[in-house]
C-alpha atoms as a PDB file:
ATOM      1  CA  MET A   1     -43.432 -39.922  -0.513  1.00  0.00           C
ATOM      2  CA  LEU A   2     -45.526 -36.698  -0.170  1.00  0.00           C
ATOM      3  CA  ASN A   3     -43.825 -35.897   3.143  1.00  0.00           C
ATOM      4  CA  LEU A   4     -40.318 -36.244   1.681  1.00  0.00           C
ATOM      5  CA  TYR A   5     -41.233 -34.017  -1.331  1.00  0.00           C
ATOM      6  CA  HIS A   6     -42.676 -31.350   1.021  1.00  0.00           C
ATOM      7  CA  THR A   7     -39.578 -31.551   3.156  1.00  0.00           C
ATOM      8  CA  LEU A   8     -37.333 -30.954   0.159  1.00  0.00           C
ATOM      9  CA  SER A   9     -39.357 -28.145  -1.248  1.00  0.00           C
ATOM     10  CA  VAL A  10     -39.478 -26.387   2.196  1.00  0.00           C
ATOM     11  CA  CYS A  11     -35.672 -26.876   2.441  1.00  0.00           C
ATOM     12  CA  TYR A  12     -35.273 -25.280  -1.073  1.00  0.00           C
ATOM     13  CA  ILE A  13     -37.269 -22.222  -0.127  1.00  0.00           C
ATOM     14  CA  SER A  14     -35.516 -22.065   3.104  1.00  0.00           C
ATOM     15  CA  CYS A  15     -32.119 -22.206   1.365  1.00  0.00           C
ATOM     16  CA  LYS A  16     -33.027 -19.320  -0.906  1.00  0.00           C
ATOM     17  CA  SER A  17     -33.641 -16.986   1.975  1.00  0.00           C
ATOM     18  CA  GLU A  18     -30.515 -18.324   3.855  1.00  0.00           C
ATOM     19  CA  LYS A  19     -28.355 -17.871   0.801  1.00  0.00           C
ATOM     20  CA  SER A  20     -29.440 -14.285   0.687  1.00  0.00           C
ATOM     21  CA  LYS A  21     -28.274 -13.927   4.281  1.00  0.00           C
ATOM     22  CA  LEU A  22     -24.979 -15.589   3.369  1.00  0.00           C
ATOM     23  CA  LYS A  23     -24.479 -13.092   0.610  1.00  0.00           C
ATOM     24  CA  ASP A  24     -25.267 -10.153   3.028  1.00  0.00           C
ATOM     25  CA  PHE A  25     -22.574 -11.618   5.518  1.00  0.00           C
ATOM     26  CA  LYS A  26     -20.072 -12.006   2.599  1.00  0.00           C
ATOM     27  CA  LEU A  27     -19.743 -15.734   3.176  1.00  0.00           C
ATOM     28  CA  SER A  28     -19.328 -16.597  -0.546  1.00  0.00           C
ATOM     29  CA  GLY A  29     -17.578 -19.856   0.059  1.00  0.00           C
ATOM     30  CA  ILE A  30     -20.542 -21.304   2.004  1.00  0.00           C
ATOM     31  CA  TYR A  31     -22.953 -19.557  -0.398  1.00  0.00           C
ATOM     32  CA  ARG A  32     -21.379 -21.169  -3.447  1.00  0.00           C
ATOM     33  CA  ASN A  33     -21.310 -24.653  -2.005  1.00  0.00           C
ATOM     34  CA  LEU A  34     -24.523 -24.774   0.260  1.00  0.00           C
ATOM     35  CA  GLU A  35     -26.717 -26.769  -2.000  1.00  0.00           C
ATOM     36  CA  GLU A  36     -24.078 -29.362  -2.692  1.00  0.00           C
ATOM     37  CA  ARG A  37     -23.108 -29.655   0.980  1.00  0.00           C
ATOM     38  CA  LEU A  38     -26.857 -29.896   2.037  1.00  0.00           C
ATOM     39  CA  SER A  39     -27.276 -32.848  -0.480  1.00  0.00           C
ATOM     40  CA  TYR A  40     -23.983 -34.455   0.735  1.00  0.00           C
ATOM     41  CA  ALA A  41     -25.063 -34.108   4.442  1.00  0.00           C
ATOM     42  CA  ARG A  42     -28.447 -35.749   3.699  1.00  0.00           C
ATOM     43  CA  GLU A  43     -26.862 -38.588   1.565  1.00  0.00           C
ATOM     44  CA  LYS A  44     -24.209 -39.300   4.378  1.00  0.00           C
ATOM     45  CA  SER A  45     -26.472 -38.543   7.283  1.00  0.00           C
ATOM     46  CA  LEU A  46     -23.837 -36.165   8.688  1.00  0.00           C
ATOM     47  CA  PHE A  47     -23.940 -34.773  12.142  1.00  0.00           C
ATOM     48  CA  TYR A  48     -24.757 -31.023  12.422  1.00  0.00           C
ATOM     49  CA  LEU A  49     -21.145 -30.337  13.565  1.00  0.00           C
ATOM     50  CA  ASP A  50     -19.584 -32.298  10.833  1.00  0.00           C
ATOM     51  CA  PHE A  51     -21.844 -30.386   8.363  1.00  0.00           C
ATOM     52  CA  LEU A  52     -20.832 -27.045  10.008  1.00  0.00           C
ATOM     53  CA  THR A  53     -17.162 -28.060   9.677  1.00  0.00           C
ATOM     54  CA  LEU A  54     -17.606 -28.780   6.049  1.00  0.00           C
ATOM     55  CA  LEU A  55     -19.162 -25.307   5.460  1.00  0.00           C
ATOM     56  CA  LEU A  56     -16.496 -23.464   7.439  1.00  0.00           C
ATOM     57  CA  GLU A  57     -13.827 -25.328   5.438  1.00  0.00           C
ATOM     58  CA  ASP A  58     -15.389 -24.180   2.221  1.00  0.00           C
ATOM     59  CA  GLU A  59     -15.390 -20.474   3.501  1.00  0.00           C
ATOM     60  CA  GLN A  60     -11.815 -20.767   4.732  1.00  0.00           C
ATOM     61  CA  ASN A  61     -10.652 -22.231   1.367  1.00  0.00           C
ATOM     62  CA  ASN A  62     -12.583 -19.574  -0.528  1.00  0.00           C
ATOM     63  CA  ARG A  63     -10.954 -16.774   1.480  1.00  0.00           C
ATOM     64  CA  ARG A  64      -7.527 -18.186   1.159  1.00  0.00           C
ATOM     65  CA  GLU A  65      -7.880 -18.459  -2.601  1.00  0.00           C
ATOM     66  CA  ASN A  66      -9.244 -14.924  -2.873  1.00  0.00           C
ATOM     67  CA  SER A  67      -6.496 -13.585  -0.698  1.00  0.00           C
ATOM     68  CA  TYR A  68      -3.863 -15.279  -2.967  1.00  0.00           C
ATOM     69  CA  ARG A  69      -5.475 -13.902  -6.162  1.00  0.00           C
ATOM     70  CA  LYS A  70      -5.440 -10.447  -4.652  1.00  0.00           C
ATOM     71  CA  ARG A  71      -1.822 -10.544  -3.484  1.00  0.00           C
ATOM     72  CA  TYR A  72      -0.746 -12.083  -6.742  1.00  0.00           C
ATOM     73  CA  SER A  73      -2.369  -9.261  -8.632  1.00  0.00           C
ATOM     74  CA  LYS A  74      -0.890  -6.532  -6.444  1.00  0.00           C
ATOM     75  CA  ALA A  75       2.660  -8.163  -6.686  1.00  0.00           C
ATOM     76  CA  LYS A  76       2.948  -7.127 -10.283  1.00  0.00           C
ATOM     77  CA  LEU A  77       5.011 -10.127 -11.322  1.00  0.00           C
ATOM     78  CA  PRO A  78       5.958  -9.843 -14.977  1.00  0.00           C
ATOM     79  CA  ALA A  79       5.517 -13.706 -15.529  1.00  0.00           C
ATOM     80  CA  GLN A  80       4.697 -16.780 -13.543  1.00  0.00           C
ATOM     81  CA  LYS A  81       7.940 -18.764 -12.961  1.00  0.00           C
ATOM     82  CA  GLN A  82       8.808 -21.341 -10.470  1.00  0.00           C
ATOM     83  CA  ILE A  83      12.138 -22.094  -8.858  1.00  0.00           C
ATOM     84  CA  GLU A  84      11.665 -25.773  -9.771  1.00  0.00           C
ATOM     85  CA  ASP A  85      11.625 -24.801 -13.549  1.00  0.00           C
ATOM     86  CA  PHE A  86      14.985 -22.858 -13.324  1.00  0.00           C
ATOM     87  CA  TYR A  87      17.876 -24.656 -15.356  1.00  0.00           C
ATOM     88  CA  PHE A  88      20.555 -24.764 -12.671  1.00  0.00           C
ATOM     89  CA  SER A  89      22.685 -26.767 -15.132  1.00  0.00           C
ATOM     90  CA  PHE A  90      22.519 -23.902 -17.617  1.00  0.00           C
ATOM     91  CA  GLN A  91      23.723 -21.421 -15.107  1.00  0.00           C
ATOM     92  CA  PRO A  92      26.322 -23.368 -12.943  1.00  0.00           C
ATOM     93  CA  SER A  93      27.230 -20.160 -11.131  1.00  0.00           C
ATOM     94  CA  VAL A  94      23.944 -20.149  -9.241  1.00  0.00           C
ATOM     95  CA  ASP A  95      24.113 -22.553  -6.188  1.00  0.00           C
ATOM     96  CA  LYS A  96      20.919 -24.651  -6.136  1.00  0.00           C
ATOM     97  CA  ARG A  97      21.209 -25.258  -2.333  1.00  0.00           C
ATOM     98  CA  THR A  98      21.445 -21.568  -1.592  1.00  0.00           C
ATOM     99  CA  ILE A  99      18.377 -20.817  -3.687  1.00  0.00           C
ATOM    100  CA  ASN A 100      16.432 -23.718  -2.137  1.00  0.00           C
ATOM    101  CA  ASP A 101      17.491 -22.757   1.353  1.00  0.00           C
ATOM    102  CA  ARG A 102      15.890 -19.206   0.636  1.00  0.00           C
ATOM    103  CA  SER A 103      12.618 -20.554  -1.005  1.00  0.00           C
ATOM    104  CA  PRO A 104      10.904 -21.576   2.277  1.00  0.00           C
ATOM    105  CA  CYS A 105      10.933 -17.710   2.961  1.00  0.00           C
ATOM    106  CA  GLN A 106      12.525 -17.902   6.398  1.00  0.00           C
ATOM    107  CA  PHE A 107      14.507 -14.892   5.440  1.00  0.00           C
ATOM    108  CA  ILE A 108      11.349 -12.911   5.581  1.00  0.00           C
ATOM    109  CA  THR A 109      10.573 -13.894   9.273  1.00  0.00           C
ATOM    110  CA  SER A 110      14.128 -13.088  10.233  1.00  0.00           C
ATOM    111  CA  ARG A 111      13.832  -9.724   8.470  1.00  0.00           C
ATOM    112  CA  ARG A 112      16.661 -10.317   6.019  1.00  0.00           C
ATOM    113  CA  ASN A 113      16.980  -9.298   2.337  1.00  0.00           C
ATOM    114  CA  ILE A 114      17.990 -11.295  -0.794  1.00  0.00           C
ATOM    115  CA  VAL A 115      19.934  -9.390  -3.358  1.00  0.00           C
ATOM    116  CA  LEU A 116      20.385 -11.048  -6.659  1.00  0.00           C
ATOM    117  CA  ILE A 117      23.354  -9.648  -8.547  1.00  0.00           C
ATOM    118  CA  GLY A 118      24.760 -10.728 -11.922  1.00  0.00           C
ATOM    119  CA  ASN A 119      25.151 -10.256 -15.614  1.00  0.00           C
ATOM    120  CA  PRO A 120      22.050  -9.837 -17.952  1.00  0.00           C
ATOM    121  CA  CYS A 121      20.347 -13.204 -18.844  1.00  0.00           C
ATOM    122  CA  THR A 122      21.726 -15.165 -15.870  1.00  0.00           C
ATOM    123  CA  GLY A 123      18.249 -15.966 -14.449  1.00  0.00           C
ATOM    124  CA  LYS A 124      18.002 -13.313 -11.645  1.00  0.00           C
ATOM    125  CA  THR A 125      14.445 -12.446 -12.708  1.00  0.00           C
ATOM    126  CA  HIS A 126      13.348 -16.122 -12.867  1.00  0.00           C
ATOM    127  CA  LEU A 127      14.743 -16.764  -9.381  1.00  0.00           C
ATOM    128  CA  ALA A 128      13.269 -13.599  -7.940  1.00  0.00           C
ATOM    129  CA  ILE A 129       9.924 -14.441  -9.313  1.00  0.00           C
ATOM    130  CA  GLY A 130      10.197 -18.045  -8.169  1.00  0.00           C
ATOM    131  CA  ILE A 131      10.943 -16.867  -4.637  1.00  0.00           C
ATOM    132  CA  ALA A 132       8.147 -14.282  -4.832  1.00  0.00           C
ATOM    133  CA  MET A 133       5.669 -17.127  -5.761  1.00  0.00           C
ATOM    134  CA  LYS A 134       6.704 -19.207  -2.740  1.00  0.00           C
ATOM    135  CA  ALA A 135       6.232 -16.092  -0.499  1.00  0.00           C
ATOM    136  CA  LEU A 136       2.730 -15.532  -1.924  1.00  0.00           C
ATOM    137  CA  LEU A 137       1.813 -19.137  -1.366  1.00  0.00           C
ATOM    138  CA  LYS A 138       2.929 -18.737   2.289  1.00  0.00           C
ATOM    139  CA  GLY A 139       0.565 -15.715   2.628  1.00  0.00           C
ATOM    140  CA  TYR A 140       3.089 -12.874   2.353  1.00  0.00           C
ATOM    141  CA  LYS A 141       2.595  -9.754   0.342  1.00  0.00           C
ATOM    142  CA  VAL A 142       5.070  -9.153  -2.508  1.00  0.00           C
ATOM    143  CA  LEU A 143       5.961  -6.331  -4.943  1.00  0.00           C
ATOM    144  CA  PHE A 144       7.974  -6.855  -7.975  1.00  0.00           C
ATOM    145  CA  THR A 145       9.552  -3.710  -9.194  1.00  0.00           C
ATOM    146  CA  PRO A 146      12.620  -2.902 -11.454  1.00  0.00           C
ATOM    147  CA  VAL A 147      15.475  -1.341  -9.715  1.00  0.00           C
ATOM    148  CA  ALA A 148      15.267   1.907 -11.670  1.00  0.00           C
ATOM    149  CA  ARG A 149      11.542   2.431 -10.423  1.00  0.00           C
ATOM    150  CA  MET A 150      12.637   1.571  -6.890  1.00  0.00           C
ATOM    151  CA  LEU A 151      15.448   3.997  -6.914  1.00  0.00           C
ATOM    152  CA  ARG A 152      13.282   6.733  -8.424  1.00  0.00           C
ATOM    153  CA  SER A 153      10.680   6.143  -5.649  1.00  0.00           C
ATOM    154  CA  VAL A 154      13.433   6.430  -3.046  1.00  0.00           C
ATOM    155  CA  VAL A 155      14.701   9.731  -4.506  1.00  0.00           C
ATOM    156  CA  ILE A 156      11.230  11.148  -4.749  1.00  0.00           C
ATOM    157  CA  GLN A 157      10.659  10.095  -0.918  1.00  0.00           C
ATOM    158  CA  ILE A 158      13.872  11.826   0.051  1.00  0.00           C
ATOM    159  CA  ASN A 159      13.441  14.948  -2.027  1.00  0.00           C
ATOM    160  CA  GLY A 160       9.715  15.543  -1.368  1.00  0.00           C
ATOM    161  CA  PRO A 161       6.614  16.330  -3.619  1.00  0.00           C
ATOM    162  CA  SER A 162       8.346  19.153  -5.555  1.00  0.00           C
ATOM    163  CA  TYR A 163      10.810  16.678  -6.999  1.00  0.00           C
ATOM    164  CA  ARG A 164       8.122  14.295  -7.968  1.00  0.00           C
ATOM    165  CA  ALA A 165       6.557  17.014 -10.009  1.00  0.00           C
ATOM    166  CA  LYS A 166       9.896  17.709 -11.797  1.00  0.00           C
ATOM    167  CA  ASP A 167      10.383  14.012 -12.330  1.00  0.00           C
ATOM    168  CA  LEU A 168       6.927  13.578 -13.914  1.00  0.00           C
ATOM    169  CA  LYS A 169       7.554  16.613 -16.090  1.00  0.00           C
ATOM    170  CA  MET A 170      10.804  15.195 -17.196  1.00  0.00           C
ATOM    171  CA  GLN A 171       8.998  11.892 -18.129  1.00  0.00           C
ATOM    172  CA  GLY A 172       6.340  13.801 -20.075  1.00  0.00           C
ATOM    173  CA  GLY A 173       3.622  13.353 -17.560  1.00  0.00           C
ATOM    174  CA  GLU A 174       1.509  15.896 -15.602  1.00  0.00           C
ATOM    175  CA  ALA A 175       2.413  17.005 -12.174  1.00  0.00           C
END
């Protein structure tokens, strides 16, 4: 019994210094789950390679989640909407098959655009956000921007920095 206690306390001390190294190497997924994984590995008598695989999966999942959170934040989506929540019966002019064909995001890999045109309150924003959410989940970067802002940005790019200064002045901002 003394030997087991000694082994566990040595492992705890060793884990403390190893966790510090994990932090230095920015392996926060492994850092967060190390003690739980060590306990699980002891309990199940895992082989070293199986233990390492679990730790690497933890790190991979953590990085995937962090990447999604960062991309979602930068996307500037005005709300969180899903295509599945869209009421196609309320808006019969919207073809459900066409939208579902676009949601796997193949239009991105084939370098094509989607333009949603229609009257106000017809669900364009909901569908755009839903498609954007699918793209984010697939690892793409997204930026949601109103047409007016996008057009202003294009005009500024075409006309150069002096136009930007005039534009800001007209909006009441500083140049």
